[in-house]
Amino acid sequence: MADVLEQPQMGLNFEQVWAALMETRQNVEEMGVRVDQTTANVDKMAERVDKVSKNVGGLNRSMGELIETLIAARLWEKFDEYPYKFRRAYQRVPLFDETDRILTDIDILLSNGEFVMPVEVKASLHRIDDVDRHLKRMELIVKYPPAECKGKTLIGAMAGGAVDPDVQAYAHGVGFFVLELTGESVRLVKPPLGFIPRQW
């Protein structure tokens, strides 16, 4: 006996179409609610990331200022064996161009009647780029000297809470003195034999 196949039902009636549309509408509305919740969660997460970034930025700035203050204390005494006899120190000396726009600042500026020494301070002196940037800063100081630098010979220095030996060697190689924080004091790193500080 042959199998009898059921004929598929052709088309849907109005109630079935309406029910399918209502179900689709409900799914779309639920998806919209989920998208809104996800957006709100992303916005909250972005706010938290902003707060953390500001806190970390503030911490880095505070750490940098602390290292700078520790290094600046009686820093001029570290050069007594040289003929500079620095007796004045300034912190955060701004450097302006001819339109009074601030170009950069000098972390610490040691001075006497004949010489000035801009000292760039880093919490951790571990990048050669930091030395190269200070070289560019020295050229800017020559071009746009603040009042304390006018008519004086410039000698550069780099200082750090910790100093990488390769960066120390590079800094000495370009003619900068190098200073490093050691506990509660700062020491002048002994330059290599034959070291001649660069003058601008």
Protein backbone atom coordinates (compact mmCIF):
# COMPACT_ATOMS: atom_id res chain seq x y z
CA MET A 1 0.00 0.00 0.00
CA ALA A 2 1.43 3.33 -1.02
CA ASP A 3 2.23 5.93 1.67
CA VAL A 4 -0.12 8.87 1.73
CA LEU A 5 1.79 12.16 1.90
CA GLU A 6 0.25 15.14 3.63
CA GLN A 7 0.00 18.23 1.50
CA PRO A 8 1.86 21.21 3.04
CA GLN A 9 -0.43 23.99 4.12
CA MET A 10 -0.17 26.87 1.69
CA GLY A 11 0.11 30.39 3.27
CA LEU A 12 -0.57 31.71 6.77
CA ASN A 13 -3.71 33.19 8.10
CA PHE A 14 -3.91 36.75 9.56
CA GLU A 15 -3.70 35.63 13.20
CA GLN A 16 -0.47 33.71 12.58
CA VAL A 17 1.15 36.61 10.73
CA TRP A 18 0.04 39.04 13.46
CA ALA A 19 1.45 36.76 16.21
CA ALA A 20 4.77 36.46 14.34
CA LEU A 21 4.98 40.26 13.96
CA MET A 22 4.23 40.81 17.67
CA GLU A 23 6.91 38.28 18.65
CA THR A 24 9.44 39.96 16.35
CA ARG A 25 8.51 43.38 17.79
CA GLN A 26 9.00 42.10 21.34
CA ASN A 27 12.40 40.61 20.40
CA VAL A 28 13.47 43.92 18.84
CA GLU A 29 12.35 45.87 21.93
CA GLU A 30 14.22 43.47 24.22
CA MET A 31 17.32 43.80 22.05
CA GLY A 32 17.00 47.61 22.25
CA VAL A 33 16.85 47.42 26.05
CA ARG A 34 19.96 45.21 26.04
CA VAL A 35 21.78 47.64 23.72
CA ASP A 36 20.83 50.56 26.02
CA GLN A 37 22.10 48.63 29.06
CA THR A 38 25.35 47.75 27.27
CA THR A 39 25.83 51.40 26.23
CA ALA A 40 25.24 52.54 29.81
CA ASN A 41 27.75 49.96 31.07
CA VAL A 42 30.34 51.08 28.50
CA ASP A 43 29.78 54.73 29.53
CA LYS A 44 30.29 53.83 33.20
CA MET A 45 33.43 51.88 32.33
CA ALA A 46 34.78 54.86 30.33
CA GLU A 47 34.18 57.14 33.35
CA ARG A 48 36.08 54.72 35.58
CA VAL A 49 38.98 54.53 33.11
CA ASP A 50 39.10 58.37 32.98
CA LYS A 51 39.21 58.55 36.79
CA VAL A 52 41.97 55.94 36.98
CA SER A 53 43.97 57.76 34.26
CA LYS A 54 43.68 61.06 36.12
CA ASN A 55 44.75 59.41 39.37
CA VAL A 56 47.73 57.70 37.73
CA GLY A 57 48.68 60.94 35.95
CA GLY A 58 48.49 62.80 39.25
CA LEU A 59 50.59 60.12 40.94
CA ASN A 60 53.24 60.32 38.20
CA ARG A 61 53.29 64.11 38.47
CA SER A 62 53.56 63.94 42.28
CA MET A 63 56.37 61.36 42.05
CA GLY A 64 58.22 63.52 39.53
CA GLU A 65 57.88 66.60 41.73
CA LEU A 66 59.10 64.65 44.77
CA ILE A 67 62.19 63.38 42.90
CA GLU A 68 62.84 66.91 41.64
CA THR A 69 62.62 68.35 45.15
CA LEU A 70 64.93 65.68 46.59
CA ILE A 71 67.48 66.25 43.84
CA ALA A 72 67.28 70.05 44.03
CA ALA A 73 68.18 70.20 47.74
CA ARG A 74 71.70 71.68 47.92
CA LEU A 75 72.45 70.34 44.46
CA TRP A 76 74.99 73.09 43.79
CA GLU A 77 77.35 71.54 46.38
CA LYS A 78 77.86 68.52 44.13
CA PHE A 79 79.93 70.67 41.75
CA ASP A 80 82.31 72.22 44.30
CA GLU A 81 85.23 70.21 42.92
CA TYR A 82 84.66 71.95 39.58
CA PRO A 83 85.31 75.66 38.99
CA TYR A 84 81.62 76.58 38.84
CA LYS A 85 80.80 77.44 42.48
CA PHE A 86 77.04 77.49 41.92
CA ARG A 87 75.21 79.26 44.73
CA ARG A 88 71.75 79.88 43.29
CA ALA A 89 69.16 77.31 42.23
CA TYR A 90 65.82 77.86 40.53
CA GLN A 91 63.08 75.33 39.85
CA ARG A 92 60.60 75.15 36.99
CA VAL A 93 62.03 78.02 34.95
CA PRO A 94 59.76 78.57 31.91
CA LEU A 95 61.23 79.15 28.48
CA PHE A 96 59.28 81.52 26.18
CA ASP A 97 59.64 82.19 22.47
CA GLU A 98 59.43 85.68 20.91
CA THR A 99 55.60 85.56 21.02
CA ASP A 100 55.58 84.71 24.77
CA ARG A 101 54.47 81.14 24.08
CA ILE A 102 55.91 78.64 26.57
CA LEU A 103 58.20 76.23 24.72
CA THR A 104 59.39 74.15 27.66
CA ASP A 105 60.70 74.58 31.17
CA ILE A 106 63.94 73.92 32.99
CA ASP A 107 63.46 71.55 35.93
CA ILE A 108 66.39 72.95 37.93
CA LEU A 109 68.69 75.81 36.95
CA LEU A 110 71.96 76.25 38.85
CA SER A 111 73.65 79.61 38.45
CA ASN A 112 76.63 81.75 39.33
CA GLY A 113 78.06 84.89 37.76
CA GLU A 114 79.59 83.11 34.77
CA PHE A 115 77.91 79.71 34.30
CA VAL A 116 74.38 78.30 34.33
CA MET A 117 73.50 74.62 34.42
CA PRO A 118 70.04 73.48 33.26
CA VAL A 119 69.35 70.12 34.92
CA GLU A 120 66.71 67.82 33.47
CA VAL A 121 65.22 65.57 36.18
CA LYS A 122 63.54 62.22 35.55
CA ALA A 123 62.03 59.84 38.09
CA SER A 124 63.85 57.14 36.14
CA LEU A 125 66.51 58.06 33.61
CA HIS A 126 66.35 55.03 31.33
CA ARG A 127 65.78 56.39 27.83
CA ILE A 128 68.33 57.89 25.46
CA ASP A 129 65.46 59.97 24.04
CA ASP A 130 65.39 61.89 27.35
CA VAL A 131 69.01 62.93 26.79
CA ASP A 132 68.32 63.90 23.18
CA ARG A 133 65.35 66.03 24.28
CA HIS A 134 67.57 67.82 26.79
CA LEU A 135 70.08 68.52 24.03
CA LYS A 136 67.26 70.17 22.04
CA ARG A 137 66.22 72.08 25.17
CA MET A 138 69.78 73.40 25.51
CA GLU A 139 69.60 74.75 21.94
CA LEU A 140 66.29 76.44 22.78
CA ILE A 141 67.84 78.02 25.89
CA VAL A 142 70.62 79.42 23.71
CA LYS A 143 68.04 80.79 21.26
CA TYR A 144 65.55 82.06 23.87
CA PRO A 145 67.55 82.53 27.08
CA PRO A 146 65.66 83.35 30.28
CA ALA A 147 67.04 86.36 32.18
CA GLU A 148 69.26 84.24 34.46
CA CYS A 149 70.98 82.63 31.44
CA LYS A 150 71.72 85.73 29.36
CA GLY A 151 75.43 86.34 28.81
CA LYS A 152 76.45 83.16 30.64
CA THR A 153 77.99 79.87 29.52
CA LEU A 154 75.61 76.90 29.61
CA ILE A 155 76.62 73.46 30.89
CA GLY A 156 74.04 70.66 30.92
CA ALA A 157 73.18 67.89 33.37
CA MET A 158 70.76 64.98 33.63
CA ALA A 159 69.45 63.65 36.94
CA GLY A 160 67.28 60.69 37.88
CA GLY A 161 65.90 58.73 40.78
CA ALA A 162 67.45 55.74 39.03
CA VAL A 163 69.88 55.93 36.12
CA ASP A 164 70.38 53.27 33.46
CA PRO A 165 74.13 52.66 32.87
CA ASP A 166 73.77 52.88 29.06
CA VAL A 167 71.89 56.17 29.29
CA GLN A 168 74.49 57.44 31.79
CA ALA A 169 77.27 56.59 29.31
CA TYR A 170 75.36 58.28 26.48
CA ALA A 171 74.75 61.43 28.56
CA HIS A 172 78.44 61.63 29.46
CA GLY A 173 79.27 61.06 25.79
CA VAL A 174 77.33 64.16 24.72
CA GLY A 175 78.94 66.24 27.48
CA PHE A 176 76.28 66.21 30.22
CA PHE A 177 76.97 65.68 33.90
CA VAL A 178 74.85 62.90 35.43
CA LEU A 179 73.37 62.85 38.93
CA GLU A 180 71.55 60.04 40.69
CA LEU A 181 69.38 59.91 43.78
CA THR A 182 70.85 57.66 46.47
CA GLY A 183 68.62 57.28 49.48
CA GLU A 184 68.07 60.73 50.96
CA SER A 185 70.86 62.37 48.99
CA VAL A 186 72.00 62.82 45.42
CA ARG A 187 75.40 61.95 44.04
CA LEU A 188 77.30 63.22 41.06
CA VAL A 189 78.09 60.15 38.97
CA LYS A 190 81.84 60.05 38.35
CA PRO A 191 82.39 60.99 34.70
CA PRO A 192 84.65 58.81 32.56
CA LEU A 193 88.33 59.60 32.24
CA GLY A 194 88.86 62.51 29.86
CA PHE A 195 85.28 63.81 30.25
CA ILE A 196 84.92 67.43 29.12
CA PRO A 197 81.55 69.03 29.82
CA ARG A 198 80.01 70.51 26.71
CA GLN A 199 79.52 74.27 26.75
CA TRP A 200 76.95 76.28 24.85
